[in-house]
Amino acid sequence: MSRLVLSRKLSLFEGMDTLSAIQARRAIKHYDPEHRLTDEEEKTLLEAAMQSPTAFNIQHWRFVLVKDPEVRQQIRAAAWDQAQVTDASLLIILAANKAAWQDPAAYWANAPEGVSDFMLPAINQYYAGREQVQQDECMRSCGMAGMTIMLAAKAMGYDTCPMDGFDFDAVGKIINLPNDHVISFMIAVGKGTKEAWPKPGQLPYDQVVINNTF
């Protein structure tokens, strides 16, 4: 889907500008368990996520939408019994295919002449034999896609909660995670019923922003 078409789809919803969405987004723990996203909302949210950047355009994120109530209950048991796992409208597990770099031709099929001839060997040179780099790339890409999901959801009027408080191995078994895939984190999406606590405190600007060198 083109960015123009996606932009038009997002305009169908009552949205907010990006900076407002960043300021308004909080990790919400309490959700209306009766609410569900429409098919159109769900697709719009995930199509937005698919616009997220990945190194070499390898698009190795995989968004596992957990809708089966029994599977949700199993995941909740592996996530310290956190209610948002079952109560949120949508539970998205952000996983990534660590081996996606091995089949790069599809990601550059529409590239200008000569570009793919340069990029394909570069991908192999960068990732081959570097398992930690492959793993790190998965985490970076899922992190960017997850932020896209959370901001898009907020712009669409929904709340989210990013989660890494769960047994990764147990959840991997529950969703039959392939051996060459890895879970980064998961996100609950839905209609919040209780506001987040006030922000506990932000570090001062001058402590976080460094000009040029430490």
C-alpha atoms as a PDB file:
ATOM      1  CA  MET A   1       0.000   0.000   0.000  1.00  0.00           C
ATOM      2  CA  SER A   2       1.318   3.440  -0.905  1.00  0.00           C
ATOM      3  CA  ARG A   3       1.871   6.064   1.766  1.00  0.00           C
ATOM      4  CA  LEU A   4      -0.703   8.279   0.082  1.00  0.00           C
ATOM      5  CA  VAL A   5      -3.398   5.590   0.326  1.00  0.00           C
ATOM      6  CA  LEU A   6      -2.447   4.890   3.942  1.00  0.00           C
ATOM      7  CA  SER A   7      -2.622   8.606   4.723  1.00  0.00           C
ATOM      8  CA  ARG A   8      -6.109   8.755   3.247  1.00  0.00           C
ATOM      9  CA  LYS A   9      -7.181   5.740   5.306  1.00  0.00           C
ATOM     10  CA  LEU A  10      -5.859   7.303   8.500  1.00  0.00           C
ATOM     11  CA  SER A  11      -7.757  10.492   7.694  1.00  0.00           C
ATOM     12  CA  LEU A  12     -10.987   8.518   8.001  1.00  0.00           C
ATOM     13  CA  PHE A  13     -10.397   8.374  11.746  1.00  0.00           C
ATOM     14  CA  GLU A  14     -10.471  11.272  14.173  1.00  0.00           C
ATOM     15  CA  GLY A  15      -6.788  11.725  14.615  1.00  0.00           C
ATOM     16  CA  MET A  16      -4.279  14.065  16.191  1.00  0.00           C
ATOM     17  CA  ASP A  17      -0.995  15.426  14.959  1.00  0.00           C
ATOM     18  CA  THR A  18       2.162  13.434  15.599  1.00  0.00           C
ATOM     19  CA  LEU A  19       3.598  15.624  18.363  1.00  0.00           C
ATOM     20  CA  SER A  20       0.284  15.568  20.232  1.00  0.00           C
ATOM     21  CA  ALA A  21       0.148  11.783  19.941  1.00  0.00           C
ATOM     22  CA  ILE A  22       3.674  11.540  21.364  1.00  0.00           C
ATOM     23  CA  GLN A  23       2.733  13.718  24.335  1.00  0.00           C
ATOM     24  CA  ALA A  24      -0.579  11.925  24.946  1.00  0.00           C
ATOM     25  CA  ARG A  25       0.633   8.340  24.647  1.00  0.00           C
ATOM     26  CA  ARG A  26       0.900   6.480  27.955  1.00  0.00           C
ATOM     27  CA  ALA A  27       1.151   2.829  28.926  1.00  0.00           C
ATOM     28  CA  ILE A  28      -2.454   2.021  29.868  1.00  0.00           C
ATOM     29  CA  LYS A  29      -3.110  -1.105  31.943  1.00  0.00           C
ATOM     30  CA  HIS A  30      -6.929  -1.213  32.140  1.00  0.00           C
ATOM     31  CA  TYR A  31      -9.131  -1.884  29.089  1.00  0.00           C
ATOM     32  CA  ASP A  32     -12.737  -2.401  28.127  1.00  0.00           C
ATOM     33  CA  PRO A  33     -12.868  -6.193  27.583  1.00  0.00           C
ATOM     34  CA  GLU A  34     -16.006  -5.908  25.413  1.00  0.00           C
ATOM     35  CA  HIS A  35     -14.461  -3.599  22.822  1.00  0.00           C
ATOM     36  CA  ARG A  36     -12.914  -4.838  19.588  1.00  0.00           C
ATOM     37  CA  LEU A  37     -11.292  -2.972  16.719  1.00  0.00           C
ATOM     38  CA  THR A  38     -13.096  -3.183  13.406  1.00  0.00           C
ATOM     39  CA  ASP A  39     -11.395  -5.091  10.600  1.00  0.00           C
ATOM     40  CA  GLU A  40     -10.682  -1.789   8.866  1.00  0.00           C
ATOM     41  CA  GLU A  41      -9.125  -0.254  11.985  1.00  0.00           C
ATOM     42  CA  GLU A  42      -7.002  -3.327  12.554  1.00  0.00           C
ATOM     43  CA  LYS A  43      -5.738  -3.345   8.976  1.00  0.00           C
ATOM     44  CA  THR A  44      -5.051   0.399   9.036  1.00  0.00           C
ATOM     45  CA  LEU A  45      -3.016   0.013  12.228  1.00  0.00           C
ATOM     46  CA  LEU A  46      -0.925  -2.850  10.875  1.00  0.00           C
ATOM     47  CA  GLU A  47      -0.440  -1.214   7.479  1.00  0.00           C
ATOM     48  CA  ALA A  48       0.933   1.806   9.317  1.00  0.00           C
ATOM     49  CA  ALA A  49       3.334  -0.481  11.181  1.00  0.00           C
ATOM     50  CA  MET A  50       4.477  -1.922   7.862  1.00  0.00           C
ATOM     51  CA  GLN A  51       5.684   1.548   6.835  1.00  0.00           C
ATOM     52  CA  SER A  52       8.294   1.407   9.615  1.00  0.00           C
ATOM     53  CA  PRO A  53      11.921   1.431   8.504  1.00  0.00           C
ATOM     54  CA  THR A  54      14.199  -1.614   8.473  1.00  0.00           C
ATOM     55  CA  ALA A  55      17.871  -1.865   7.604  1.00  0.00           C
ATOM     56  CA  PHE A  56      18.352  -2.873   3.962  1.00  0.00           C
ATOM     57  CA  ASN A  57      14.542  -2.895   3.659  1.00  0.00           C
ATOM     58  CA  ILE A  58      14.457  -6.522   4.836  1.00  0.00           C
ATOM     59  CA  GLN A  59      11.150  -6.033   6.686  1.00  0.00           C
ATOM     60  CA  HIS A  60      11.780  -8.895   9.071  1.00  0.00           C
ATOM     61  CA  TRP A  61       9.126  -7.948  11.623  1.00  0.00           C
ATOM     62  CA  ARG A  62       6.156 -10.292  11.954  1.00  0.00           C
ATOM     63  CA  PHE A  63       3.039  -9.110  13.795  1.00  0.00           C
ATOM     64  CA  VAL A  64       1.279 -11.978  15.557  1.00  0.00           C
ATOM     65  CA  LEU A  65      -2.319 -10.951  16.303  1.00  0.00           C
ATOM     66  CA  VAL A  66      -3.534 -13.061  19.202  1.00  0.00           C
ATOM     67  CA  LYS A  67      -7.341 -13.212  19.028  1.00  0.00           C
ATOM     68  CA  ASP A  68      -8.197 -16.652  20.398  1.00  0.00           C
ATOM     69  CA  PRO A  69      -9.432 -16.144  24.011  1.00  0.00           C
ATOM     70  CA  GLU A  70      -7.878 -19.429  25.161  1.00  0.00           C
ATOM     71  CA  VAL A  71      -4.494 -18.488  23.725  1.00  0.00           C
ATOM     72  CA  ARG A  72      -4.779 -15.080  25.357  1.00  0.00           C
ATOM     73  CA  GLN A  73      -5.399 -16.775  28.711  1.00  0.00           C
ATOM     74  CA  GLN A  74      -2.309 -18.924  28.239  1.00  0.00           C
ATOM     75  CA  ILE A  75      -0.211 -15.866  27.475  1.00  0.00           C
ATOM     76  CA  ARG A  76      -1.683 -14.031  30.469  1.00  0.00           C
ATOM     77  CA  ALA A  77      -0.573 -16.915  32.692  1.00  0.00           C
ATOM     78  CA  ALA A  78       2.946 -16.480  31.273  1.00  0.00           C
ATOM     79  CA  ALA A  79       2.787 -12.698  31.819  1.00  0.00           C
ATOM     80  CA  TRP A  80       2.372 -12.437  35.583  1.00  0.00           C
ATOM     81  CA  ASP A  81      -1.439 -12.488  35.191  1.00  0.00           C
ATOM     82  CA  GLN A  82      -1.488  -8.972  33.722  1.00  0.00           C
ATOM     83  CA  ALA A  83      -5.111  -8.192  32.839  1.00  0.00           C
ATOM     84  CA  GLN A  84      -4.383  -6.168  29.702  1.00  0.00           C
ATOM     85  CA  VAL A  85      -3.267  -9.363  27.947  1.00  0.00           C
ATOM     86  CA  THR A  86      -6.847 -10.649  27.855  1.00  0.00           C
ATOM     87  CA  ASP A  87      -8.867  -7.429  28.268  1.00  0.00           C
ATOM     88  CA  ALA A  88      -7.363  -5.295  25.497  1.00  0.00           C
ATOM     89  CA  SER A  89      -9.081  -5.257  22.122  1.00  0.00           C
ATOM     90  CA  LEU A  90      -5.970  -6.549  20.395  1.00  0.00           C
ATOM     91  CA  LEU A  91      -2.771  -8.234  21.520  1.00  0.00           C
ATOM     92  CA  ILE A  92       0.121  -7.901  19.094  1.00  0.00           C
ATOM     93  CA  ILE A  93       3.285  -9.934  19.571  1.00  0.00           C
ATOM     94  CA  LEU A  94       6.169  -8.304  17.710  1.00  0.00           C
ATOM     95  CA  ALA A  95       8.438 -11.023  16.420  1.00  0.00           C
ATOM     96  CA  ALA A  96      11.107 -10.981  13.750  1.00  0.00           C
ATOM     97  CA  ASN A  97      12.569 -13.429  11.270  1.00  0.00           C
ATOM     98  CA  LYS A  98      16.288 -13.531  11.978  1.00  0.00           C
ATOM     99  CA  ALA A  99      16.889 -15.285   8.663  1.00  0.00           C
ATOM    100  CA  ALA A 100      15.050 -12.731   6.516  1.00  0.00           C
ATOM    101  CA  TRP A 101      18.354 -11.338   5.250  1.00  0.00           C
ATOM    102  CA  GLN A 102      19.051 -14.656   3.488  1.00  0.00           C
ATOM    103  CA  ASP A 103      16.400 -14.038   0.809  1.00  0.00           C
ATOM    104  CA  PRO A 104      16.842 -10.358  -0.075  1.00  0.00           C
ATOM    105  CA  ALA A 105      15.700 -10.338  -3.699  1.00  0.00           C
ATOM    106  CA  ALA A 106      12.022  -9.717  -2.826  1.00  0.00           C
ATOM    107  CA  TYR A 107      12.869  -6.556  -0.885  1.00  0.00           C
ATOM    108  CA  TRP A 108      14.613  -4.998  -3.885  1.00  0.00           C
ATOM    109  CA  ALA A 109      12.476  -6.346  -6.735  1.00  0.00           C
ATOM    110  CA  ASN A 110      11.301  -2.858  -7.685  1.00  0.00           C
ATOM    111  CA  ALA A 111      14.623  -1.095  -7.220  1.00  0.00           C
ATOM    112  CA  PRO A 112      16.095   0.999 -10.054  1.00  0.00           C
ATOM    113  CA  GLU A 113      18.457  -0.815 -12.383  1.00  0.00           C
ATOM    114  CA  GLY A 114      21.810  -1.418 -10.777  1.00  0.00           C
ATOM    115  CA  VAL A 115      20.670  -0.764  -7.206  1.00  0.00           C
ATOM    116  CA  SER A 116      19.806  -4.369  -6.421  1.00  0.00           C
ATOM    117  CA  ASP A 117      23.127  -5.476  -7.928  1.00  0.00           C
ATOM    118  CA  PHE A 118      24.825  -3.391  -5.256  1.00  0.00           C
ATOM    119  CA  MET A 119      22.448  -4.010  -2.327  1.00  0.00           C
ATOM    120  CA  LEU A 120      22.057  -7.794  -2.454  1.00  0.00           C
ATOM    121  CA  PRO A 121      25.771  -8.589  -1.994  1.00  0.00           C
ATOM    122  CA  ALA A 122      25.986  -5.876   0.680  1.00  0.00           C
ATOM    123  CA  ILE A 123      23.210  -7.540   2.697  1.00  0.00           C
ATOM    124  CA  ASN A 124      25.005 -10.876   2.662  1.00  0.00           C
ATOM    125  CA  GLN A 125      28.304  -9.251   3.590  1.00  0.00           C
ATOM    126  CA  TYR A 126      26.739  -7.404   6.522  1.00  0.00           C
ATOM    127  CA  TYR A 127      24.777 -10.273   8.119  1.00  0.00           C
ATOM    128  CA  ALA A 128      26.436 -13.549   7.144  1.00  0.00           C
ATOM    129  CA  GLY A 129      28.024 -15.265  10.145  1.00  0.00           C
ATOM    130  CA  ARG A 130      27.119 -12.396  12.507  1.00  0.00           C
ATOM    131  CA  GLU A 131      24.396 -13.852  14.729  1.00  0.00           C
ATOM    132  CA  GLN A 132      24.487 -11.014  17.262  1.00  0.00           C
ATOM    133  CA  VAL A 133      24.071  -8.450  14.495  1.00  0.00           C
ATOM    134  CA  GLN A 134      21.100 -10.408  13.141  1.00  0.00           C
ATOM    135  CA  GLN A 135      19.530 -10.484  16.614  1.00  0.00           C
ATOM    136  CA  ASP A 136      20.221  -6.804  17.289  1.00  0.00           C
ATOM    137  CA  GLU A 137      18.706  -5.823  13.953  1.00  0.00           C
ATOM    138  CA  CYS A 138      15.506  -7.663  14.844  1.00  0.00           C
ATOM    139  CA  MET A 139      15.209  -5.744  18.097  1.00  0.00           C
ATOM    140  CA  ARG A 140      15.874  -2.389  16.452  1.00  0.00           C
ATOM    141  CA  SER A 141      13.310  -2.999  13.738  1.00  0.00           C
ATOM    142  CA  CYS A 142      10.614  -4.261  16.106  1.00  0.00           C
ATOM    143  CA  GLY A 143      11.228  -1.278  18.362  1.00  0.00           C
ATOM    144  CA  MET A 144      10.611   1.151  15.511  1.00  0.00           C
ATOM    145  CA  ALA A 145       7.544  -0.768  14.342  1.00  0.00           C
ATOM    146  CA  GLY A 146       6.203  -0.889  17.891  1.00  0.00           C
ATOM    147  CA  MET A 147       6.478   2.868  18.271  1.00  0.00           C
ATOM    148  CA  THR A 148       4.663   3.286  14.966  1.00  0.00           C
ATOM    149  CA  ILE A 149       1.850   1.064  16.264  1.00  0.00           C
ATOM    150  CA  MET A 150       1.547   2.980  19.522  1.00  0.00           C
ATOM    151  CA  LEU A 151       1.485   6.418  17.902  1.00  0.00           C
ATOM    152  CA  ALA A 152      -0.886   5.335  15.137  1.00  0.00           C
ATOM    153  CA  ALA A 153      -3.202   3.762  17.715  1.00  0.00           C
ATOM    154  CA  LYS A 154      -3.203   6.960  19.757  1.00  0.00           C
ATOM    155  CA  ALA A 155      -3.992   9.007  16.658  1.00  0.00           C
ATOM    156  CA  MET A 156      -6.903   6.640  16.017  1.00  0.00           C
ATOM    157  CA  GLY A 157      -8.269   7.170  19.539  1.00  0.00           C
ATOM    158  CA  TYR A 158      -6.907   4.011  21.159  1.00  0.00           C
ATOM    159  CA  ASP A 159      -4.586   3.315  24.055  1.00  0.00           C
ATOM    160  CA  THR A 160      -1.653   0.920  24.180  1.00  0.00           C
ATOM    161  CA  CYS A 161       0.661  -0.834  26.581  1.00  0.00           C
ATOM    162  CA  PRO A 162       4.064  -2.102  25.454  1.00  0.00           C
ATOM    163  CA  MET A 163       4.996  -5.233  27.380  1.00  0.00           C
ATOM    164  CA  ASP A 164       8.140  -7.221  28.036  1.00  0.00           C
ATOM    165  CA  GLY A 165       7.005  -8.558  31.409  1.00  0.00           C
ATOM    166  CA  PHE A 166       6.408 -12.141  30.351  1.00  0.00           C
ATOM    167  CA  ASP A 167       8.157 -15.486  29.926  1.00  0.00           C
ATOM    168  CA  PHE A 168       9.517 -15.179  26.385  1.00  0.00           C
ATOM    169  CA  ASP A 169      10.214 -18.890  26.006  1.00  0.00           C
ATOM    170  CA  ALA A 170       6.739 -19.855  27.214  1.00  0.00           C
ATOM    171  CA  VAL A 171       5.019 -17.374  24.909  1.00  0.00           C
ATOM    172  CA  GLY A 172       7.177 -18.563  22.026  1.00  0.00           C
ATOM    173  CA  LYS A 173       5.941 -22.104  22.592  1.00  0.00           C
ATOM    174  CA  ILE A 174       2.318 -20.949  22.847  1.00  0.00           C
ATOM    175  CA  ILE A 175       2.443 -19.233  19.442  1.00  0.00           C
ATOM    176  CA  ASN A 176       4.653 -21.905  17.818  1.00  0.00           C
ATOM    177  CA  LEU A 177       7.428 -19.401  17.189  1.00  0.00           C
ATOM    178  CA  PRO A 178       9.756 -20.769  14.461  1.00  0.00           C
ATOM    179  CA  ASN A 179      13.320 -21.490  15.529  1.00  0.00           C
ATOM    180  CA  ASP A 180      14.695 -18.763  13.282  1.00  0.00           C
ATOM    181  CA  HIS A 181      12.375 -16.111  14.765  1.00  0.00           C
ATOM    182  CA  VAL A 182      12.683 -14.060  17.935  1.00  0.00           C
ATOM    183  CA  ILE A 183      10.140 -12.182  20.061  1.00  0.00           C
ATOM    184  CA  SER A 184      10.964  -8.548  20.801  1.00  0.00           C
ATOM    185  CA  PHE A 185       7.967  -7.495  22.910  1.00  0.00           C
ATOM    186  CA  MET A 186       4.181  -7.300  22.689  1.00  0.00           C
ATOM    187  CA  ILE A 187       1.636  -4.494  22.667  1.00  0.00           C
ATOM    188  CA  ALA A 188      -1.897  -4.419  24.054  1.00  0.00           C
ATOM    189  CA  VAL A 189      -4.225  -2.109  22.086  1.00  0.00           C
ATOM    190  CA  GLY A 190      -7.735  -1.012  22.990  1.00  0.00           C
ATOM    191  CA  LYS A 191     -10.099   1.346  24.786  1.00  0.00           C
ATOM    192  CA  GLY A 192      -8.570   2.313  28.091  1.00  0.00           C
ATOM    193  CA  THR A 193     -10.887   2.507  31.105  1.00  0.00           C
ATOM    194  CA  LYS A 194      -8.483   4.046  33.614  1.00  0.00           C
ATOM    195  CA  GLU A 195      -5.891   6.733  33.105  1.00  0.00           C
ATOM    196  CA  ALA A 196      -2.234   6.081  33.732  1.00  0.00           C
ATOM    197  CA  TRP A 197      -0.582   7.388  36.866  1.00  0.00           C
ATOM    198  CA  PRO A 198       0.974  10.830  36.559  1.00  0.00           C
ATOM    199  CA  LYS A 199       4.392  10.620  34.942  1.00  0.00           C
ATOM    200  CA  PRO A 200       6.845   9.734  37.719  1.00  0.00           C
ATOM    201  CA  GLY A 201       9.475  12.129  36.463  1.00  0.00           C
ATOM    202  CA  GLN A 202      11.453  13.006  33.357  1.00  0.00           C
ATOM    203  CA  LEU A 203      15.202  13.479  33.355  1.00  0.00           C
ATOM    204  CA  PRO A 204      16.258  17.066  32.644  1.00  0.00           C
ATOM    205  CA  TYR A 205      16.891  17.990  29.007  1.00  0.00           C
ATOM    206  CA  ASP A 206      20.554  18.852  29.586  1.00  0.00           C
ATOM    207  CA  GLN A 207      21.222  15.445  31.115  1.00  0.00           C
ATOM    208  CA  VAL A 208      19.763  13.558  28.169  1.00  0.00           C
ATOM    209  CA  VAL A 209      20.799  15.693  25.181  1.00  0.00           C
ATOM    210  CA  ILE A 210      24.529  15.672  24.438  1.00  0.00           C
ATOM    211  CA  ASN A 211      26.041  17.908  21.776  1.00  0.00           C
ATOM    212  CA  ASN A 212      28.746  16.264  19.694  1.00  0.00           C
ATOM    213  CA  THR A 213      30.620  14.284  22.377  1.00  0.00           C
ATOM    214  CA  PHE A 214      30.216  13.216  26.007  1.00  0.00           C
END
